[in-house]
Protein backbone atom coordinates (compact mmCIF):
# COMPACT_ATOMS: atom_id res chain seq x y z
CA UNK A 1 83.94 10.90 -61.11
CA UNK A 2 80.74 9.38 -59.74
CA UNK A 3 80.60 6.85 -62.59
CA UNK A 4 84.13 5.68 -61.79
CA UNK A 5 83.29 5.20 -58.14
CA UNK A 6 80.10 3.28 -58.92
CA UNK A 7 82.00 1.10 -61.41
CA UNK A 8 84.71 0.37 -58.85
CA UNK A 9 82.17 -0.51 -56.16
CA UNK A 10 80.13 -2.78 -58.44
CA UNK A 11 83.28 -4.46 -59.74
CA UNK A 12 84.47 -5.07 -56.20
CA UNK A 13 81.11 -6.56 -55.22
CA UNK A 14 81.21 -8.89 -58.23
CA UNK A 15 84.80 -9.87 -57.42
CA UNK A 16 83.92 -10.64 -53.81
CA UNK A 17 80.89 -12.64 -54.96
CA UNK A 18 83.07 -14.65 -57.35
CA UNK A 19 85.53 -15.28 -54.53
CA UNK A 20 82.86 -16.40 -52.06
CA UNK A 21 81.28 -18.73 -54.63
CA UNK A 22 84.73 -19.88 -55.79
CA UNK A 23 83.84 -19.10 -59.40
CA UNK A 24 86.59 -18.28 -61.85
CA UNK A 25 86.37 -15.02 -63.75
CA UNK A 26 84.67 -15.57 -67.11
CA UNK A 27 87.73 -14.30 -68.95
CA UNK A 28 91.45 -14.34 -68.20
CA UNK A 29 92.53 -10.98 -66.74
CA UNK A 30 94.51 -9.95 -69.82
CA UNK A 31 91.62 -10.72 -72.17
CA UNK A 32 89.21 -8.87 -69.89
CA UNK A 33 91.46 -5.80 -69.80
CA UNK A 34 91.85 -5.78 -73.58
CA UNK A 35 88.07 -6.05 -73.91
CA UNK A 36 87.59 -3.12 -71.55
CA UNK A 37 90.14 -1.12 -73.51
CA UNK A 38 88.22 -1.85 -76.70
CA UNK A 39 84.98 -0.70 -75.11
CA UNK A 40 86.57 2.55 -73.94
CA UNK A 41 88.22 3.15 -77.31
CA UNK A 42 84.93 2.58 -79.12
CA UNK A 43 83.11 4.95 -76.79
CA UNK A 44 85.73 7.65 -77.34
CA UNK A 45 85.68 7.06 -81.10
CA UNK A 46 81.94 7.71 -81.26
CA UNK A 47 82.38 10.90 -79.22
CA UNK A 48 85.20 12.03 -81.53
CA UNK A 49 83.17 11.37 -84.69
CA UNK A 50 80.15 13.24 -83.27
CA UNK A 51 82.39 16.19 -82.37
CA UNK A 52 83.94 16.26 -85.85
CA UNK A 53 80.53 16.19 -87.54
CA UNK A 54 79.38 19.30 -85.68
């Protein structure tokens, strides 16, 4: 739970910083979300493979 809270806080800080500096997000929201999904899926896949090998 702590990791989620830290991630949310850091993401909010980055978003506010982008807004203050009037910088566009480096990726369109949909592309960013798909990238995050891929990261999460890859992380879970590694965990699954490690569990199956035990």
